[in-house]
Amino acid sequence: MRCVSLISLSLLLSSALHADALASACYPSPMHAPSFHRSIHATVHGTVPTSFQRSRATAQRTVHQPGTLSRLGKSPSHFQSGRHGCELHMMASKASASASDSKTSDETARRLLRECAKEERSIPLLNELVAALETSSKVQAEKPKRALLGDWKLAFASDADAAAVFTTGQGGGVFSVVECALLRLQKSNVAKVIEVSRRFGPFGNEKRSLSGKWGVVDGTFRLRYTSMLNVQREEEAPPQHAAVSYVGSISHVSPRCLVLRLVQNDEKQSLSDVKTSGSFVVFCRLPKGVDPELSELQVETEDK
């Protein structure tokens, strides 16, 4: 009997030592770890304090938690934890790469707008910057219509055909020049182009506008004008060159910059032809709307 009692006591002491070691691993702070001597004392007297029971239960639960002591046994939870960690690492890597691409695109867009603002522009550099934006931009794949909403100012047109899409054709001439062209892409698919031209001599600036509809269908930008307001603010049919539908690709859109390639909606023209077209337009966003621009040019404002 005495031998049995000694064996039982030895087993109890071993269990106490094991539980206390586990609890110490989980709670390294002395304030949280149960006292080793108190555990021995309680075991010898046949009673176990409540705090020790809680510590032992916590230690047993911790053994089965993935990513802790269970790694020693390589339980299924361990492999699930490792796989989950790999997935998180991959997601973090993709997010980091996306942030890096976005930063690069923003810097390229700034360079493009700075070059457009110069009196003497480098056409090869402009083409290079637009090509770089088209290669790196992915914004148009994520709700492009929402990204396009707002007011924009034409910063550069690669040729006369590209500029004609966003002008009335009546503002430029021998004794007048187009000062600015503003594009408003509003909700309910409402589109409006505002053109301000300056005449030579002691005359005031002139304001004309084109109105119509716009949209994005399967990633393709679409625009069609339905009416025009002349200098006298009288409504009339749009000019012949504007009385057609335009389709195009969204080369780049960001909070500060928009690049479009547009052609007339000709059945002979495919979207691939549009994407490889040499003509493009660059817009800069107007965060305060069109009225500050119109006020500076001393013409009637839009949002009274």
C-alpha atoms as a PDB file:
ATOM      1  CA  MET A   1       0.000   0.000   0.000  1.00  0.00           C
ATOM      2  CA  ARG A   2       2.823   2.360   0.902  1.00  0.00           C
ATOM      3  CA  CYS A   3       4.444   1.678  -2.478  1.00  0.00           C
ATOM      4  CA  VAL A   4       1.181   2.439  -4.272  1.00  0.00           C
ATOM      5  CA  SER A   5       0.796   5.664  -2.307  1.00  0.00           C
ATOM      6  CA  LEU A   6       4.349   6.720  -3.174  1.00  0.00           C
ATOM      7  CA  ILE A   7       3.754   5.963  -6.865  1.00  0.00           C
ATOM      8  CA  SER A   8       0.484   7.944  -6.838  1.00  0.00           C
ATOM      9  CA  LEU A   9       2.202  10.829  -5.063  1.00  0.00           C
ATOM     10  CA  SER A  10       5.009  10.710  -7.633  1.00  0.00           C
ATOM     11  CA  LEU A  11       2.508  10.832 -10.512  1.00  0.00           C
ATOM     12  CA  LEU A  12       0.663  13.752  -8.949  1.00  0.00           C
ATOM     13  CA  LEU A  13       3.915  15.647  -8.463  1.00  0.00           C
ATOM     14  CA  SER A  14       4.892  14.972 -12.103  1.00  0.00           C
ATOM     15  CA  SER A  15       1.491  16.236 -13.335  1.00  0.00           C
ATOM     16  CA  ALA A  16       1.826  19.350 -11.210  1.00  0.00           C
ATOM     17  CA  LEU A  17       5.307  20.057 -12.576  1.00  0.00           C
ATOM     18  CA  HIS A  18       4.092  19.568 -16.182  1.00  0.00           C
ATOM     19  CA  ALA A  19       1.048  21.821 -15.728  1.00  0.00           C
ATOM     20  CA  ASP A  20       3.083  24.496 -14.001  1.00  0.00           C
ATOM     21  CA  ALA A  21       5.654  24.470 -16.823  1.00  0.00           C
ATOM     22  CA  LEU A  22       2.900  24.877 -19.408  1.00  0.00           C
ATOM     23  CA  ALA A  23       1.257  27.668 -17.471  1.00  0.00           C
ATOM     24  CA  SER A  24       4.618  29.413 -17.155  1.00  0.00           C
ATOM     25  CA  ALA A  25       5.104  29.151 -20.914  1.00  0.00           C
ATOM     26  CA  CYS A  26       1.715  30.749 -21.487  1.00  0.00           C
ATOM     27  CA  TYR A  27       2.058  33.341 -18.734  1.00  0.00           C
ATOM     28  CA  PRO A  28       5.712  34.321 -18.438  1.00  0.00           C
ATOM     29  CA  SER A  29       4.882  37.196 -16.086  1.00  0.00           C
ATOM     30  CA  PRO A  30       5.225  36.266 -12.384  1.00  0.00           C
ATOM     31  CA  MET A  31       1.932  38.038 -11.676  1.00  0.00           C
ATOM     32  CA  HIS A  32       0.009  35.580 -13.844  1.00  0.00           C
ATOM     33  CA  ALA A  33       1.946  32.299 -13.332  1.00  0.00           C
ATOM     34  CA  PRO A  34       0.806  30.073 -10.422  1.00  0.00           C
ATOM     35  CA  SER A  35       3.350  29.541  -7.650  1.00  0.00           C
ATOM     36  CA  PHE A  36       5.303  26.307  -8.018  1.00  0.00           C
ATOM     37  CA  HIS A  37       5.570  25.782  -4.238  1.00  0.00           C
ATOM     38  CA  ARG A  38       1.857  26.433  -3.715  1.00  0.00           C
ATOM     39  CA  SER A  39       1.072  23.816  -6.342  1.00  0.00           C
ATOM     40  CA  ILE A  40       3.297  21.246  -4.616  1.00  0.00           C
ATOM     41  CA  HIS A  41       1.762  22.052  -1.252  1.00  0.00           C
ATOM     42  CA  ALA A  42      -1.780  21.711  -2.586  1.00  0.00           C
ATOM     43  CA  THR A  43      -0.994  18.423  -4.305  1.00  0.00           C
ATOM     44  CA  VAL A  44       0.529  16.882  -1.150  1.00  0.00           C
ATOM     45  CA  HIS A  45      -2.522  17.836   0.910  1.00  0.00           C
ATOM     46  CA  GLY A  46      -4.946  16.487  -1.711  1.00  0.00           C
ATOM     47  CA  THR A  47      -6.454  19.856  -2.685  1.00  0.00           C
ATOM     48  CA  VAL A  48      -5.893  21.948  -5.821  1.00  0.00           C
ATOM     49  CA  PRO A  49      -6.494  25.729  -5.655  1.00  0.00           C
ATOM     50  CA  THR A  50      -8.973  27.237  -8.118  1.00  0.00           C
ATOM     51  CA  SER A  51      -6.272  29.422  -9.683  1.00  0.00           C
ATOM     52  CA  PHE A  52      -4.213  26.302 -10.410  1.00  0.00           C
ATOM     53  CA  GLN A  53      -7.190  24.613 -12.055  1.00  0.00           C
ATOM     54  CA  ARG A  54      -7.720  27.640 -14.271  1.00  0.00           C
ATOM     55  CA  SER A  55      -4.019  27.770 -15.173  1.00  0.00           C
ATOM     56  CA  ARG A  56      -3.932  24.058 -15.988  1.00  0.00           C
ATOM     57  CA  ALA A  57      -7.091  24.271 -18.105  1.00  0.00           C
ATOM     58  CA  THR A  58      -5.665  27.275 -19.952  1.00  0.00           C
ATOM     59  CA  ALA A  59      -2.414  25.443 -20.560  1.00  0.00           C
ATOM     60  CA  GLN A  60      -4.279  22.427 -21.939  1.00  0.00           C
ATOM     61  CA  ARG A  61      -6.276  24.646 -24.279  1.00  0.00           C
ATOM     62  CA  THR A  62      -3.120  26.415 -25.392  1.00  0.00           C
ATOM     63  CA  VAL A  63      -1.522  23.116 -26.388  1.00  0.00           C
ATOM     64  CA  HIS A  64      -4.227  22.625 -29.008  1.00  0.00           C
ATOM     65  CA  GLN A  65      -4.167  26.163 -30.377  1.00  0.00           C
ATOM     66  CA  PRO A  66      -2.597  26.358 -33.841  1.00  0.00           C
ATOM     67  CA  GLY A  67       0.677  28.184 -34.050  1.00  0.00           C
ATOM     68  CA  THR A  68       1.788  27.605 -30.391  1.00  0.00           C
ATOM     69  CA  LEU A  69       2.909  24.398 -28.657  1.00  0.00           C
ATOM     70  CA  SER A  70       0.996  22.268 -31.147  1.00  0.00           C
ATOM     71  CA  ARG A  71       3.761  22.934 -33.683  1.00  0.00           C
ATOM     72  CA  LEU A  72       5.912  20.441 -31.836  1.00  0.00           C
ATOM     73  CA  GLY A  73       3.409  17.711 -32.645  1.00  0.00           C
ATOM     74  CA  LYS A  74       2.694  18.996 -36.180  1.00  0.00           C
ATOM     75  CA  SER A  75      -1.034  18.542 -35.793  1.00  0.00           C
ATOM     76  CA  PRO A  76      -3.439  19.285 -38.705  1.00  0.00           C
ATOM     77  CA  SER A  77      -4.066  22.658 -37.109  1.00  0.00           C
ATOM     78  CA  HIS A  78      -0.368  23.419 -37.543  1.00  0.00           C
ATOM     79  CA  PHE A  79      -0.500  22.845 -41.301  1.00  0.00           C
ATOM     80  CA  GLN A  80      -3.711  24.883 -41.603  1.00  0.00           C
ATOM     81  CA  SER A  81      -2.047  27.708 -39.706  1.00  0.00           C
ATOM     82  CA  GLY A  82       0.991  27.575 -41.988  1.00  0.00           C
ATOM     83  CA  ARG A  83      -1.148  27.604 -45.120  1.00  0.00           C
ATOM     84  CA  HIS A  84      -3.163  30.529 -43.757  1.00  0.00           C
ATOM     85  CA  GLY A  85       0.067  32.388 -43.023  1.00  0.00           C
ATOM     86  CA  CYS A  86       1.244  31.876 -46.607  1.00  0.00           C
ATOM     87  CA  GLU A  87      -2.048  33.234 -47.930  1.00  0.00           C
ATOM     88  CA  LEU A  88      -1.754  36.304 -45.714  1.00  0.00           C
ATOM     89  CA  HIS A  89       1.821  36.823 -46.906  1.00  0.00           C
ATOM     90  CA  MET A  90       0.723  36.582 -50.539  1.00  0.00           C
ATOM     91  CA  MET A  91      -2.125  39.037 -49.932  1.00  0.00           C
ATOM     92  CA  ALA A  92       0.259  41.465 -48.242  1.00  0.00           C
ATOM     93  CA  SER A  93       2.713  41.142 -51.136  1.00  0.00           C
ATOM     94  CA  LYS A  94      -0.013  41.861 -53.689  1.00  0.00           C
ATOM     95  CA  ALA A  95      -1.234  44.864 -51.705  1.00  0.00           C
ATOM     96  CA  SER A  96       2.320  46.190 -51.492  1.00  0.00           C
ATOM     97  CA  ALA A  97       2.848  45.706 -55.237  1.00  0.00           C
ATOM     98  CA  SER A  98      -0.482  47.413 -55.982  1.00  0.00           C
ATOM     99  CA  ALA A  99       0.437  50.369 -53.780  1.00  0.00           C
ATOM    100  CA  SER A 100       3.805  50.614 -55.519  1.00  0.00           C
ATOM    101  CA  ASP A 101       2.158  50.558 -58.977  1.00  0.00           C
ATOM    102  CA  SER A 102      -0.331  53.212 -57.887  1.00  0.00           C
ATOM    103  CA  LYS A 103       2.473  55.441 -56.616  1.00  0.00           C
ATOM    104  CA  THR A 104       4.355  55.022 -59.890  1.00  0.00           C
ATOM    105  CA  SER A 105       1.235  55.861 -61.934  1.00  0.00           C
ATOM    106  CA  ASP A 106       0.564  58.968 -59.841  1.00  0.00           C
ATOM    107  CA  GLU A 107       4.086  60.235 -60.385  1.00  0.00           C
ATOM    108  CA  THR A 108       3.841  59.542 -64.127  1.00  0.00           C
ATOM    109  CA  ALA A 109       0.517  61.408 -64.256  1.00  0.00           C
ATOM    110  CA  ARG A 110       2.089  64.402 -62.511  1.00  0.00           C
ATOM    111  CA  ARG A 111       4.933  64.436 -65.013  1.00  0.00           C
ATOM    112  CA  LEU A 112       2.438  64.252 -67.863  1.00  0.00           C
ATOM    113  CA  LEU A 113       0.396  67.206 -66.588  1.00  0.00           C
ATOM    114  CA  ARG A 114       3.546  69.259 -65.958  1.00  0.00           C
ATOM    115  CA  GLU A 115       4.704  68.638 -69.516  1.00  0.00           C
ATOM    116  CA  CYS A 116       1.253  69.532 -70.892  1.00  0.00           C
ATOM    117  CA  ALA A 117       1.357  72.858 -69.024  1.00  0.00           C
ATOM    118  CA  LYS A 118       4.587  73.964 -70.741  1.00  0.00           C
ATOM    119  CA  GLU A 119       4.590  76.424 -73.610  1.00  0.00           C
ATOM    120  CA  GLU A 120       6.914  74.177 -75.612  1.00  0.00           C
ATOM    121  CA  ARG A 121       6.044  70.524 -75.087  1.00  0.00           C
ATOM    122  CA  SER A 122       8.063  67.474 -75.976  1.00  0.00           C
ATOM    123  CA  ILE A 123       5.777  65.300 -78.091  1.00  0.00           C
ATOM    124  CA  PRO A 124       8.029  62.211 -77.791  1.00  0.00           C
ATOM    125  CA  LEU A 125       7.992  62.585 -73.992  1.00  0.00           C
ATOM    126  CA  LEU A 126       4.214  62.969 -73.944  1.00  0.00           C
ATOM    127  CA  ASN A 127       3.808  59.817 -76.014  1.00  0.00           C
ATOM    128  CA  GLU A 128       6.211  57.988 -73.710  1.00  0.00           C
ATOM    129  CA  LEU A 129       4.350  59.069 -70.548  1.00  0.00           C
ATOM    130  CA  VAL A 130       0.949  58.133 -71.977  1.00  0.00           C
ATOM    131  CA  ALA A 131       2.295  54.721 -73.006  1.00  0.00           C
ATOM    132  CA  ALA A 132       3.661  54.217 -69.488  1.00  0.00           C
ATOM    133  CA  LEU A 133       0.280  55.060 -67.951  1.00  0.00           C
ATOM    134  CA  GLU A 134      -1.505  52.696 -70.307  1.00  0.00           C
ATOM    135  CA  THR A 135       0.864  49.910 -69.296  1.00  0.00           C
ATOM    136  CA  SER A 136       0.606  50.401 -65.544  1.00  0.00           C
ATOM    137  CA  SER A 137      -2.940  51.686 -65.044  1.00  0.00           C
ATOM    138  CA  LYS A 138      -5.526  49.278 -63.629  1.00  0.00           C
ATOM    139  CA  VAL A 139      -8.003  51.808 -62.261  1.00  0.00           C
ATOM    140  CA  GLN A 140     -10.280  51.574 -65.283  1.00  0.00           C
ATOM    141  CA  ALA A 141     -11.032  47.941 -64.399  1.00  0.00           C
ATOM    142  CA  GLU A 142     -12.472  48.983 -61.027  1.00  0.00           C
ATOM    143  CA  LYS A 143     -15.700  51.005 -61.407  1.00  0.00           C
ATOM    144  CA  PRO A 144     -14.395  53.313 -64.161  1.00  0.00           C
ATOM    145  CA  LYS A 145     -17.626  55.297 -64.413  1.00  0.00           C
ATOM    146  CA  ARG A 146     -17.384  56.413 -60.790  1.00  0.00           C
ATOM    147  CA  ALA A 147     -13.760  57.418 -61.341  1.00  0.00           C
ATOM    148  CA  LEU A 148     -14.727  59.522 -64.386  1.00  0.00           C
ATOM    149  CA  LEU A 149     -17.472  61.509 -62.645  1.00  0.00           C
ATOM    150  CA  GLY A 150     -16.590  65.157 -62.151  1.00  0.00           C
ATOM    151  CA  ASP A 151     -15.245  68.234 -63.939  1.00  0.00           C
ATOM    152  CA  TRP A 152     -12.175  68.135 -66.166  1.00  0.00           C
ATOM    153  CA  LYS A 153     -10.112  70.626 -68.145  1.00  0.00           C
ATOM    154  CA  LEU A 154      -8.533  69.770 -71.477  1.00  0.00           C
ATOM    155  CA  ALA A 155      -4.765  69.949 -70.979  1.00  0.00           C
ATOM    156  CA  PHE A 156      -3.529  68.535 -74.270  1.00  0.00           C
ATOM    157  CA  ALA A 157      -4.802  67.043 -77.528  1.00  0.00           C
ATOM    158  CA  SER A 158      -2.410  65.089 -79.698  1.00  0.00           C
ATOM    159  CA  ASP A 159      -3.951  66.368 -82.944  1.00  0.00           C
ATOM    160  CA  ALA A 160      -6.831  68.396 -84.381  1.00  0.00           C
ATOM    161  CA  ASP A 161      -9.151  65.384 -84.641  1.00  0.00           C
ATOM    162  CA  ALA A 162      -8.733  64.638 -80.957  1.00  0.00           C
ATOM    163  CA  ALA A 163      -9.382  68.270 -80.005  1.00  0.00           C
ATOM    164  CA  ALA A 164     -12.466  68.460 -82.236  1.00  0.00           C
ATOM    165  CA  VAL A 165     -14.289  65.915 -80.040  1.00  0.00           C
ATOM    166  CA  PHE A 166     -14.338  68.415 -77.162  1.00  0.00           C
ATOM    167  CA  THR A 167     -14.839  71.705 -79.025  1.00  0.00           C
ATOM    168  CA  THR A 168     -17.676  73.216 -81.047  1.00  0.00           C
ATOM    169  CA  GLY A 169     -15.518  74.067 -84.038  1.00  0.00           C
ATOM    170  CA  GLN A 170     -16.833  77.660 -83.952  1.00  0.00           C
ATOM    171  CA  GLY A 171     -14.556  79.129 -81.310  1.00  0.00           C
ATOM    172  CA  GLY A 172     -11.326  79.102 -83.306  1.00  0.00           C
ATOM    173  CA  GLY A 173     -10.742  81.104 -86.442  1.00  0.00           C
ATOM    174  CA  VAL A 174      -8.690  83.852 -88.010  1.00  0.00           C
ATOM    175  CA  PHE A 175      -9.564  86.402 -85.330  1.00  0.00           C
ATOM    176  CA  SER A 176     -10.287  84.181 -82.366  1.00  0.00           C
ATOM    177  CA  VAL A 177      -8.658  81.410 -80.370  1.00  0.00           C
ATOM    178  CA  VAL A 178     -10.022  78.799 -77.993  1.00  0.00           C
ATOM    179  CA  GLU A 179      -8.910  79.661 -74.461  1.00  0.00           C
ATOM    180  CA  CYS A 180     -10.135  76.481 -72.742  1.00  0.00           C
ATOM    181  CA  ALA A 181     -12.403  73.480 -73.097  1.00  0.00           C
ATOM    182  CA  LEU A 182     -14.048  71.998 -69.999  1.00  0.00           C
ATOM    183  CA  LEU A 183     -15.648  68.576 -69.761  1.00  0.00           C
ATOM    184  CA  ARG A 184     -18.398  67.767 -67.261  1.00  0.00           C
ATOM    185  CA  LEU A 185     -19.241  64.103 -66.751  1.00  0.00           C
ATOM    186  CA  GLN A 186     -22.251  64.117 -64.452  1.00  0.00           C
ATOM    187  CA  LYS A 187     -24.659  61.640 -62.961  1.00  0.00           C
ATOM    188  CA  SER A 188     -27.611  60.297 -64.977  1.00  0.00           C
ATOM    189  CA  ASN A 189     -25.185  60.011 -67.944  1.00  0.00           C
ATOM    190  CA  VAL A 190     -25.281  63.778 -68.602  1.00  0.00           C
ATOM    191  CA  ALA A 191     -22.245  65.117 -70.470  1.00  0.00           C
ATOM    192  CA  LYS A 192     -21.387  68.724 -71.216  1.00  0.00           C
ATOM    193  CA  VAL A 193     -18.494  70.458 -72.926  1.00  0.00           C
ATOM    194  CA  ILE A 194     -17.952  74.171 -72.254  1.00  0.00           C
ATOM    195  CA  GLU A 195     -15.798  76.091 -74.698  1.00  0.00           C
ATOM    196  CA  VAL A 196     -14.480  79.619 -74.086  1.00  0.00           C
ATOM    197  CA  SER A 197     -12.860  81.520 -76.942  1.00  0.00           C
ATOM    198  CA  ARG A 198     -11.113  84.876 -77.022  1.00  0.00           C
ATOM    199  CA  ARG A 199     -11.508  87.292 -79.915  1.00  0.00           C
ATOM    200  CA  PHE A 200      -8.756  89.701 -80.920  1.00  0.00           C
ATOM    201  CA  GLY A 201      -9.522  93.332 -80.223  1.00  0.00           C
ATOM    202  CA  PRO A 202     -11.620  95.075 -77.561  1.00  0.00           C
ATOM    203  CA  PHE A 203     -14.158  92.283 -77.323  1.00  0.00           C
ATOM    204  CA  GLY A 204     -15.225  90.038 -74.521  1.00  0.00           C
ATOM    205  CA  ASN A 205     -14.731  86.285 -74.397  1.00  0.00           C
ATOM    206  CA  GLU A 206     -17.340  83.994 -75.916  1.00  0.00           C
ATOM    207  CA  LYS A 207     -18.879  80.917 -74.354  1.00  0.00           C
ATOM    208  CA  ARG A 208     -20.439  77.963 -76.162  1.00  0.00           C
ATOM    209  CA  SER A 209     -21.387  74.515 -74.939  1.00  0.00           C
ATOM    210  CA  LEU A 210     -22.270  71.045 -76.185  1.00  0.00           C
ATOM    211  CA  SER A 211     -24.659  68.773 -74.273  1.00  0.00           C
ATOM    212  CA  GLY A 212     -25.320  65.071 -74.606  1.00  0.00           C
ATOM    213  CA  LYS A 213     -24.966  61.658 -73.026  1.00  0.00           C
ATOM    214  CA  TRP A 214     -22.003  59.590 -71.906  1.00  0.00           C
ATOM    215  CA  GLY A 215     -21.412  56.161 -70.439  1.00  0.00           C
ATOM    216  CA  VAL A 216     -19.043  53.264 -69.952  1.00  0.00           C
ATOM    217  CA  VAL A 217     -20.082  49.941 -71.483  1.00  0.00           C
ATOM    218  CA  ASP A 218     -17.808  46.915 -71.035  1.00  0.00           C
ATOM    219  CA  GLY A 219     -14.901  49.219 -70.261  1.00  0.00           C
ATOM    220  CA  THR A 220     -15.483  51.322 -73.403  1.00  0.00           C
ATOM    221  CA  PHE A 221     -16.112  55.058 -73.076  1.00  0.00           C
ATOM    222  CA  ARG A 222     -19.049  56.343 -75.151  1.00  0.00           C
ATOM    223  CA  LEU A 223     -20.062  59.935 -75.899  1.00  0.00           C
ATOM    224  CA  ARG A 224     -22.773  61.529 -78.030  1.00  0.00           C
ATOM    225  CA  TYR A 225     -23.841  65.176 -78.297  1.00  0.00           C
ATOM    226  CA  THR A 226     -27.496  66.065 -78.822  1.00  0.00           C
ATOM    227  CA  SER A 227     -27.558  69.888 -78.686  1.00  0.00           C
ATOM    228  CA  MET A 228     -25.481  73.057 -78.528  1.00  0.00           C
ATOM    229  CA  LEU A 229     -25.851  76.490 -76.915  1.00  0.00           C
ATOM    230  CA  ASN A 230     -24.414  79.268 -79.088  1.00  0.00           C
ATOM    231  CA  VAL A 231     -22.919  82.565 -77.963  1.00  0.00           C
ATOM    232  CA  GLN A 232     -26.384  84.067 -77.521  1.00  0.00           C
ATOM    233  CA  ARG A 233     -27.258  81.064 -75.270  1.00  0.00           C
ATOM    234  CA  GLU A 234     -29.746  79.807 -77.831  1.00  0.00           C
ATOM    235  CA  GLU A 235     -30.149  76.068 -78.284  1.00  0.00           C
ATOM    236  CA  GLU A 236     -29.484  74.569 -81.680  1.00  0.00           C
ATOM    237  CA  ALA A 237     -28.394  71.314 -83.239  1.00  0.00           C
ATOM    238  CA  PRO A 238     -24.775  70.334 -82.671  1.00  0.00           C
ATOM    239  CA  PRO A 239     -22.261  70.985 -85.469  1.00  0.00           C
ATOM    240  CA  GLN A 240     -21.872  68.273 -88.068  1.00  0.00           C
ATOM    241  CA  HIS A 241     -18.592  66.966 -86.667  1.00  0.00           C
ATOM    242  CA  ALA A 242     -20.145  66.681 -83.192  1.00  0.00           C
ATOM    243  CA  ALA A 243     -23.435  65.115 -84.300  1.00  0.00           C
ATOM    244  CA  VAL A 244     -21.943  61.634 -84.175  1.00  0.00           C
ATOM    245  CA  SER A 245     -21.205  59.032 -81.528  1.00  0.00           C
ATOM    246  CA  TYR A 246     -17.703  58.586 -80.198  1.00  0.00           C
ATOM    247  CA  VAL A 247     -16.200  55.491 -78.621  1.00  0.00           C
ATOM    248  CA  GLY A 248     -12.871  55.142 -76.965  1.00  0.00           C
ATOM    249  CA  SER A 249     -10.627  53.473 -74.464  1.00  0.00           C
ATOM    250  CA  ILE A 250      -9.897  54.807 -71.000  1.00  0.00           C
ATOM    251  CA  SER A 251      -6.119  54.830 -71.100  1.00  0.00           C
ATOM    252  CA  HIS A 252      -5.801  56.212 -67.585  1.00  0.00           C
ATOM    253  CA  VAL A 253      -8.009  57.733 -64.912  1.00  0.00           C
ATOM    254  CA  SER A 254      -6.953  58.853 -61.460  1.00  0.00           C
ATOM    255  CA  PRO A 255      -7.959  61.571 -58.997  1.00  0.00           C
ATOM    256  CA  ARG A 256      -5.902  64.137 -60.925  1.00  0.00           C
ATOM    257  CA  CYS A 257      -5.580  62.953 -64.533  1.00  0.00           C
ATOM    258  CA  LEU A 258      -7.636  61.431 -67.361  1.00  0.00           C
ATOM    259  CA  VAL A 259      -6.332  60.110 -70.674  1.00  0.00           C
ATOM    260  CA  LEU A 260      -8.756  59.037 -73.420  1.00  0.00           C
ATOM    261  CA  ARG A 261      -8.392  57.698 -76.929  1.00  0.00           C
ATOM    262  CA  LEU A 262     -11.535  58.391 -78.975  1.00  0.00           C
ATOM    263  CA  VAL A 263     -12.708  57.827 -82.538  1.00  0.00           C
ATOM    264  CA  GLN A 264     -16.032  58.165 -84.292  1.00  0.00           C
ATOM    265  CA  ASN A 265     -18.305  55.189 -83.748  1.00  0.00           C
ATOM    266  CA  ASP A 266     -17.689  53.730 -87.177  1.00  0.00           C
ATOM    267  CA  GLU A 267     -18.621  50.090 -87.767  1.00  0.00           C
ATOM    268  CA  LYS A 268     -15.242  49.646 -89.426  1.00  0.00           C
ATOM    269  CA  GLN A 269     -13.472  50.706 -86.231  1.00  0.00           C
ATOM    270  CA  SER A 270     -12.915  48.070 -83.571  1.00  0.00           C
ATOM    271  CA  LEU A 271     -11.933  48.658 -79.949  1.00  0.00           C
ATOM    272  CA  SER A 272      -8.465  47.298 -80.676  1.00  0.00           C
ATOM    273  CA  ASP A 273      -8.089  49.988 -83.354  1.00  0.00           C
ATOM    274  CA  VAL A 274      -9.066  52.612 -80.793  1.00  0.00           C
ATOM    275  CA  LYS A 275      -6.486  51.393 -78.282  1.00  0.00           C
ATOM    276  CA  THR A 276      -3.721  51.585 -80.865  1.00  0.00           C
ATOM    277  CA  SER A 277      -4.894  54.921 -82.263  1.00  0.00           C
ATOM    278  CA  GLY A 278      -2.296  57.647 -82.205  1.00  0.00           C
ATOM    279  CA  SER A 279      -4.796  60.317 -81.150  1.00  0.00           C
ATOM    280  CA  PHE A 280      -5.339  60.958 -77.452  1.00  0.00           C
ATOM    281  CA  VAL A 281      -6.485  63.712 -75.108  1.00  0.00           C
ATOM    282  CA  VAL A 282      -5.263  64.560 -71.613  1.00  0.00           C
ATOM    283  CA  PHE A 283      -7.492  66.157 -68.970  1.00  0.00           C
ATOM    284  CA  CYS A 284      -6.708  67.475 -65.514  1.00  0.00           C
ATOM    285  CA  ARG A 285      -9.383  67.318 -62.832  1.00  0.00           C
ATOM    286  CA  LEU A 286     -11.014  70.481 -61.488  1.00  0.00           C
ATOM    287  CA  PRO A 287     -11.675  69.677 -57.804  1.00  0.00           C
ATOM    288  CA  LYS A 288     -13.470  73.029 -57.291  1.00  0.00           C
ATOM    289  CA  GLY A 289     -15.636  72.686 -60.383  1.00  0.00           C
ATOM    290  CA  VAL A 290     -15.765  74.740 -63.576  1.00  0.00           C
ATOM    291  CA  ASP A 291     -16.897  78.062 -62.094  1.00  0.00           C
ATOM    292  CA  PRO A 292     -13.435  79.278 -60.965  1.00  0.00           C
ATOM    293  CA  GLU A 293     -12.165  78.767 -64.526  1.00  0.00           C
ATOM    294  CA  LEU A 294     -15.173  80.529 -66.057  1.00  0.00           C
ATOM    295  CA  SER A 295     -14.944  83.429 -63.614  1.00  0.00           C
ATOM    296  CA  GLU A 296     -11.283  83.945 -64.464  1.00  0.00           C
ATOM    297  CA  LEU A 297     -12.187  84.058 -68.157  1.00  0.00           C
ATOM    298  CA  GLN A 298     -14.994  86.544 -67.387  1.00  0.00           C
ATOM    299  CA  VAL A 299     -17.885  84.541 -68.788  1.00  0.00           C
ATOM    300  CA  GLU A 300     -21.135  83.344 -67.265  1.00  0.00           C
ATOM    301  CA  THR A 301     -20.701  80.652 -64.645  1.00  0.00           C
ATOM    302  CA  GLU A 302     -22.571  77.347 -64.564  1.00  0.00           C
ATOM    303  CA  ASP A 303     -23.314  76.563 -60.897  1.00  0.00           C
ATOM    304  CA  LYS A 304     -24.903  79.751 -59.617  1.00  0.00           C
END
